[in-house]
Amino acid sequence: MDGNILNVGSFLNQQLDAAFLWEMGKEVAGLYKGAGVTKVLTIEASGIAVAVAVGAAMQLPVLFAKKHRSGNVAGAVHKVTIHSYTHGNDYEAVVPAEYLNENDRVLLVDDFLANGAALRGLVTLAKQAGAEVVGAAIAIEKGFQKGGDSLREEGIRVESLAIIESFDGGKIVFRSQG
């Protein structure tokens, strides 16, 4: 689509391919086996399905940051302002402090990684809580937007199941992963 947006609504966003999600969850669980992850952390809404598949495969709780503080989020919270590339706006991501703390070793999970703003926001939330970020697992990374590369350079382990190198004349070119 225009603006380097990939439409995955038929299997990952609006309509979910549960069997495919389960396979993704198992793949991520294998990548992070033995890493000591205690919790999966994502942002609503599209990342939740992937995160639940990962959490189920790893037999771990899944926590998602809400994009706005709602009436059912009471008490102390961790919060951060994040810019959405897809929607072109800022939002405040909020996690109740009771669900994320210094005892947690979190795996960040999302459906897409473009510029890295959402993941950086999740890293900030984890730091506010005193939690350790073990790494990030992404369904689809847009390698040409460099968010994943810059996060890796900052020392964050990022494992993407697919990395798109470019959209070339309507054709998707994948980065080879050794």
C-alpha atoms as a PDB file:
ATOM      1  CA  MET A   1       0.000   0.000   0.000  1.00  0.00           C
ATOM      2  CA  ASP A   2       1.050   3.644  -0.219  1.00  0.00           C
ATOM      3  CA  GLY A   3       3.494   4.809   2.434  1.00  0.00           C
ATOM      4  CA  ASN A   4       5.350   1.473   2.607  1.00  0.00           C
ATOM      5  CA  ILE A   5       2.458  -0.116   4.493  1.00  0.00           C
ATOM      6  CA  LEU A   6       2.053  -3.854   4.031  1.00  0.00           C
ATOM      7  CA  ASN A   7      -1.507  -5.173   4.189  1.00  0.00           C
ATOM      8  CA  VAL A   8      -1.562  -8.375   6.249  1.00  0.00           C
ATOM      9  CA  GLY A   9      -5.198  -8.088   7.244  1.00  0.00           C
ATOM     10  CA  SER A  10      -6.086 -11.469   5.785  1.00  0.00           C
ATOM     11  CA  PHE A  11      -3.958 -13.449   8.257  1.00  0.00           C
ATOM     12  CA  LEU A  12      -2.308 -11.260  10.935  1.00  0.00           C
ATOM     13  CA  ASN A  13      -4.358  -8.182  11.769  1.00  0.00           C
ATOM     14  CA  GLN A  14      -8.093  -8.133  11.048  1.00  0.00           C
ATOM     15  CA  GLN A  15      -8.492 -11.824  10.235  1.00  0.00           C
ATOM     16  CA  LEU A  16      -6.222 -14.171  12.173  1.00  0.00           C
ATOM     17  CA  ASP A  17      -4.775 -17.430  10.918  1.00  0.00           C
ATOM     18  CA  ALA A  18      -4.661 -19.214  14.288  1.00  0.00           C
ATOM     19  CA  ALA A  19      -2.595 -22.162  13.053  1.00  0.00           C
ATOM     20  CA  PHE A  20      -0.023 -19.808  11.518  1.00  0.00           C
ATOM     21  CA  LEU A  21       0.084 -17.702  14.701  1.00  0.00           C
ATOM     22  CA  TRP A  22       0.669 -20.850  16.756  1.00  0.00           C
ATOM     23  CA  GLU A  23       3.609 -21.779  14.500  1.00  0.00           C
ATOM     24  CA  MET A  24       5.043 -18.277  14.934  1.00  0.00           C
ATOM     25  CA  GLY A  25       4.645 -18.599  18.682  1.00  0.00           C
ATOM     26  CA  LYS A  26       6.508 -21.904  18.716  1.00  0.00           C
ATOM     27  CA  GLU A  27       9.305 -20.459  16.565  1.00  0.00           C
ATOM     28  CA  VAL A  28       9.793 -17.507  18.927  1.00  0.00           C
ATOM     29  CA  ALA A  29       9.667 -19.838  21.942  1.00  0.00           C
ATOM     30  CA  GLY A  30      12.502 -21.828  20.374  1.00  0.00           C
ATOM     31  CA  LEU A  31      14.547 -18.697  19.692  1.00  0.00           C
ATOM     32  CA  TYR A  32      14.265 -17.543  23.315  1.00  0.00           C
ATOM     33  CA  LYS A  33      14.398 -20.947  25.016  1.00  0.00           C
ATOM     34  CA  GLY A  34      16.656 -20.747  28.055  1.00  0.00           C
ATOM     35  CA  ALA A  35      16.676 -16.921  28.078  1.00  0.00           C
ATOM     36  CA  GLY A  36      14.838 -16.757  31.401  1.00  0.00           C
ATOM     37  CA  VAL A  37      11.837 -14.834  30.100  1.00  0.00           C
ATOM     38  CA  THR A  38       9.111 -14.410  32.745  1.00  0.00           C
ATOM     39  CA  LYS A  39       6.600 -12.280  30.828  1.00  0.00           C
ATOM     40  CA  VAL A  40       5.654 -11.293  27.275  1.00  0.00           C
ATOM     41  CA  LEU A  41       4.986  -7.563  26.727  1.00  0.00           C
ATOM     42  CA  THR A  42       3.296  -5.916  23.733  1.00  0.00           C
ATOM     43  CA  ILE A  43       1.115  -2.912  22.804  1.00  0.00           C
ATOM     44  CA  GLU A  44      -2.542  -3.116  21.857  1.00  0.00           C
ATOM     45  CA  ALA A  45      -3.994  -3.982  19.412  1.00  0.00           C
ATOM     46  CA  SER A  46      -2.354  -5.773  16.483  1.00  0.00           C
ATOM     47  CA  GLY A  47       0.557  -7.158  18.500  1.00  0.00           C
ATOM     48  CA  ILE A  48      -1.704  -8.947  20.955  1.00  0.00           C
ATOM     49  CA  ALA A  49      -2.423 -11.974  18.748  1.00  0.00           C
ATOM     50  CA  VAL A  50       1.276 -12.647  18.121  1.00  0.00           C
ATOM     51  CA  ALA A  51       2.091 -12.047  21.794  1.00  0.00           C
ATOM     52  CA  VAL A  52      -0.610 -14.477  22.950  1.00  0.00           C
ATOM     53  CA  ALA A  53       0.745 -17.152  20.593  1.00  0.00           C
ATOM     54  CA  VAL A  54       4.249 -16.590  21.996  1.00  0.00           C
ATOM     55  CA  GLY A  55       2.970 -16.574  25.575  1.00  0.00           C
ATOM     56  CA  ALA A  56       1.051 -19.810  25.013  1.00  0.00           C
ATOM     57  CA  ALA A  57       4.054 -21.510  23.433  1.00  0.00           C
ATOM     58  CA  MET A  58       6.325 -20.340  26.270  1.00  0.00           C
ATOM     59  CA  GLN A  59       3.647 -20.912  28.934  1.00  0.00           C
ATOM     60  CA  LEU A  60       4.036 -17.336  30.177  1.00  0.00           C
ATOM     61  CA  PRO A  61       1.684 -14.473  31.006  1.00  0.00           C
ATOM     62  CA  VAL A  62       1.145 -11.819  28.335  1.00  0.00           C
ATOM     63  CA  LEU A  63       0.846  -8.153  29.269  1.00  0.00           C
ATOM     64  CA  PHE A  64      -0.182  -5.464  26.828  1.00  0.00           C
ATOM     65  CA  ALA A  65       0.177  -1.727  27.169  1.00  0.00           C
ATOM     66  CA  LYS A  66      -3.081   0.085  26.577  1.00  0.00           C
ATOM     67  CA  LYS A  67      -2.930   3.009  24.182  1.00  0.00           C
ATOM     68  CA  HIS A  68      -4.833   5.205  26.606  1.00  0.00           C
ATOM     69  CA  ARG A  69      -5.486   5.043  30.316  1.00  0.00           C
ATOM     70  CA  SER A  70      -9.032   3.769  30.670  1.00  0.00           C
ATOM     71  CA  GLY A  71     -11.390   3.568  33.616  1.00  0.00           C
ATOM     72  CA  ASN A  72     -10.356   0.004  34.424  1.00  0.00           C
ATOM     73  CA  VAL A  73      -6.695   0.992  34.901  1.00  0.00           C
ATOM     74  CA  ALA A  74      -6.479   2.255  38.466  1.00  0.00           C
ATOM     75  CA  GLY A  75      -3.539   3.037  40.713  1.00  0.00           C
ATOM     76  CA  ALA A  76       0.101   3.519  39.804  1.00  0.00           C
ATOM     77  CA  VAL A  77       1.078   3.078  36.163  1.00  0.00           C
ATOM     78  CA  HIS A  78       4.118   3.126  33.941  1.00  0.00           C
ATOM     79  CA  LYS A  79       3.496   5.327  30.889  1.00  0.00           C
ATOM     80  CA  VAL A  80       5.258   6.643  27.816  1.00  0.00           C
ATOM     81  CA  THR A  81       4.321   8.689  24.749  1.00  0.00           C
ATOM     82  CA  ILE A  82       4.863   6.838  21.460  1.00  0.00           C
ATOM     83  CA  HIS A  83       4.539   8.012  17.856  1.00  0.00           C
ATOM     84  CA  SER A  84       2.652   5.659  15.513  1.00  0.00           C
ATOM     85  CA  TYR A  85       4.157   5.528  12.018  1.00  0.00           C
ATOM     86  CA  THR A  86       1.082   3.763  10.621  1.00  0.00           C
ATOM     87  CA  HIS A  87      -1.478   6.171  12.072  1.00  0.00           C
ATOM     88  CA  GLY A  88       0.660   9.324  12.069  1.00  0.00           C
ATOM     89  CA  ASN A  89      -0.183  10.316  15.643  1.00  0.00           C
ATOM     90  CA  ASP A  90       1.113  10.136  19.214  1.00  0.00           C
ATOM     91  CA  TYR A  91      -0.473   8.074  21.972  1.00  0.00           C
ATOM     92  CA  GLU A  92       0.262   7.336  25.593  1.00  0.00           C
ATOM     93  CA  ALA A  93       0.997   3.679  26.332  1.00  0.00           C
ATOM     94  CA  VAL A  94       0.073   2.648  29.866  1.00  0.00           C
ATOM     95  CA  VAL A  95       0.787  -0.459  31.950  1.00  0.00           C
ATOM     96  CA  PRO A  96      -0.412  -0.899  35.548  1.00  0.00           C
ATOM     97  CA  ALA A  97       2.609  -0.969  37.863  1.00  0.00           C
ATOM     98  CA  GLU A  98       1.224  -4.050  39.616  1.00  0.00           C
ATOM     99  CA  TYR A  99       1.695  -6.113  36.422  1.00  0.00           C
ATOM    100  CA  LEU A 100       5.282  -5.119  35.563  1.00  0.00           C
ATOM    101  CA  ASN A 101       8.072  -4.865  38.126  1.00  0.00           C
ATOM    102  CA  GLU A 102      11.750  -5.435  38.901  1.00  0.00           C
ATOM    103  CA  ASN A 103      11.273  -9.200  39.109  1.00  0.00           C
ATOM    104  CA  ASP A 104      10.268  -9.445  35.446  1.00  0.00           C
ATOM    105  CA  ARG A 105      12.465 -10.470  32.524  1.00  0.00           C
ATOM    106  CA  VAL A 106      10.381  -9.417  29.547  1.00  0.00           C
ATOM    107  CA  LEU A 107      10.262 -10.434  25.920  1.00  0.00           C
ATOM    108  CA  LEU A 108       8.856  -7.641  23.765  1.00  0.00           C
ATOM    109  CA  VAL A 109       6.596  -8.909  20.967  1.00  0.00           C
ATOM    110  CA  ASP A 110       4.916  -7.057  18.111  1.00  0.00           C
ATOM    111  CA  ASP A 111       3.479  -7.724  14.684  1.00  0.00           C
ATOM    112  CA  PHE A 112       5.577  -5.100  12.847  1.00  0.00           C
ATOM    113  CA  LEU A 113       8.845  -3.288  13.372  1.00  0.00           C
ATOM    114  CA  ALA A 114       9.445  -0.229  11.208  1.00  0.00           C
ATOM    115  CA  ASN A 115      11.151   2.743  12.845  1.00  0.00           C
ATOM    116  CA  GLY A 116      11.232   1.145  16.288  1.00  0.00           C
ATOM    117  CA  ALA A 117       9.122   3.691  18.170  1.00  0.00           C
ATOM    118  CA  ALA A 118       6.746   1.103  19.655  1.00  0.00           C
ATOM    119  CA  LEU A 119       9.593  -1.135  20.833  1.00  0.00           C
ATOM    120  CA  ARG A 120      11.476   1.824  22.287  1.00  0.00           C
ATOM    121  CA  GLY A 121       8.298   2.725  24.156  1.00  0.00           C
ATOM    122  CA  LEU A 122       8.056  -0.805  25.547  1.00  0.00           C
ATOM    123  CA  VAL A 123      11.729  -0.643  26.577  1.00  0.00           C
ATOM    124  CA  THR A 124      10.978   2.599  28.426  1.00  0.00           C
ATOM    125  CA  LEU A 125       8.009   1.013  30.215  1.00  0.00           C
ATOM    126  CA  ALA A 126      10.173  -1.942  31.261  1.00  0.00           C
ATOM    127  CA  LYS A 127      12.908   0.386  32.536  1.00  0.00           C
ATOM    128  CA  GLN A 128      10.370   2.420  34.509  1.00  0.00           C
ATOM    129  CA  ALA A 129       9.311  -0.827  36.196  1.00  0.00           C
ATOM    130  CA  GLY A 130      12.895  -1.949  36.834  1.00  0.00           C
ATOM    131  CA  ALA A 131      12.301  -4.990  34.610  1.00  0.00           C
ATOM    132  CA  GLU A 132      14.966  -6.464  32.358  1.00  0.00           C
ATOM    133  CA  VAL A 133      14.385  -6.596  28.603  1.00  0.00           C
ATOM    134  CA  VAL A 134      15.586  -9.989  27.353  1.00  0.00           C
ATOM    135  CA  GLY A 135      14.902  -9.173  23.709  1.00  0.00           C
ATOM    136  CA  ALA A 136      12.250  -8.560  21.098  1.00  0.00           C
ATOM    137  CA  ALA A 137      10.396 -10.887  18.742  1.00  0.00           C
ATOM    138  CA  ILE A 138       8.752  -9.459  15.645  1.00  0.00           C
ATOM    139  CA  ALA A 139       6.530 -11.115  13.052  1.00  0.00           C
ATOM    140  CA  ILE A 140       7.523  -8.786  10.180  1.00  0.00           C
ATOM    141  CA  GLU A 141      10.347  -6.251  10.187  1.00  0.00           C
ATOM    142  CA  LYS A 142      10.638  -3.531   7.554  1.00  0.00           C
ATOM    143  CA  GLY A 143      14.413  -3.666   7.225  1.00  0.00           C
ATOM    144  CA  PHE A 144      14.513  -0.635   4.943  1.00  0.00           C
ATOM    145  CA  GLN A 145      13.180   1.567   7.755  1.00  0.00           C
ATOM    146  CA  LYS A 146      16.172   0.696   9.981  1.00  0.00           C
ATOM    147  CA  GLY A 147      14.358   0.527  13.350  1.00  0.00           C
ATOM    148  CA  GLY A 148      15.486  -3.046  13.934  1.00  0.00           C
ATOM    149  CA  ASP A 149      19.055  -2.324  12.887  1.00  0.00           C
ATOM    150  CA  SER A 150      19.306   0.648  15.254  1.00  0.00           C
ATOM    151  CA  LEU A 151      17.841  -1.356  18.165  1.00  0.00           C
ATOM    152  CA  ARG A 152      20.383  -4.112  17.517  1.00  0.00           C
ATOM    153  CA  GLU A 153      23.176  -1.519  17.496  1.00  0.00           C
ATOM    154  CA  GLU A 154      21.908  -0.370  20.921  1.00  0.00           C
ATOM    155  CA  GLY A 155      22.415  -3.911  22.220  1.00  0.00           C
ATOM    156  CA  ILE A 156      18.825  -5.151  22.139  1.00  0.00           C
ATOM    157  CA  ARG A 157      18.408  -8.659  20.791  1.00  0.00           C
ATOM    158  CA  VAL A 158      15.836  -8.458  17.985  1.00  0.00           C
ATOM    159  CA  GLU A 159      14.599 -11.644  16.305  1.00  0.00           C
ATOM    160  CA  SER A 160      12.283 -11.074  13.342  1.00  0.00           C
ATOM    161  CA  LEU A 161      10.538 -13.985  11.650  1.00  0.00           C
ATOM    162  CA  ALA A 162      10.613 -12.129   8.320  1.00  0.00           C
ATOM    163  CA  ILE A 163      12.577  -9.044   7.284  1.00  0.00           C
ATOM    164  CA  ILE A 164      11.451  -7.104   4.226  1.00  0.00           C
ATOM    165  CA  GLU A 165      14.411  -5.448   2.540  1.00  0.00           C
ATOM    166  CA  SER A 166      12.342  -3.491   0.033  1.00  0.00           C
ATOM    167  CA  PHE A 167       9.140  -3.114  -1.905  1.00  0.00           C
ATOM    168  CA  ASP A 168      10.419  -3.225  -5.480  1.00  0.00           C
ATOM    169  CA  GLY A 169       7.799  -2.488  -8.141  1.00  0.00           C
ATOM    170  CA  GLY A 170       5.028  -4.025  -6.033  1.00  0.00           C
ATOM    171  CA  LYS A 171       7.168  -7.068  -5.246  1.00  0.00           C
ATOM    172  CA  ILE A 172       8.332  -7.829  -1.719  1.00  0.00           C
ATOM    173  CA  VAL A 173      12.077  -8.476  -1.421  1.00  0.00           C
ATOM    174  CA  PHE A 174      13.069 -10.336   1.748  1.00  0.00           C
ATOM    175  CA  ARG A 175      16.417  -9.956   3.513  1.00  0.00           C
ATOM    176  CA  SER A 176      18.271 -13.249   3.631  1.00  0.00           C
ATOM    177  CA  GLN A 177      18.875 -14.277   7.215  1.00  0.00           C
ATOM    178  CA  GLY A 178      21.881 -16.487   7.794  1.00  0.00           C
END
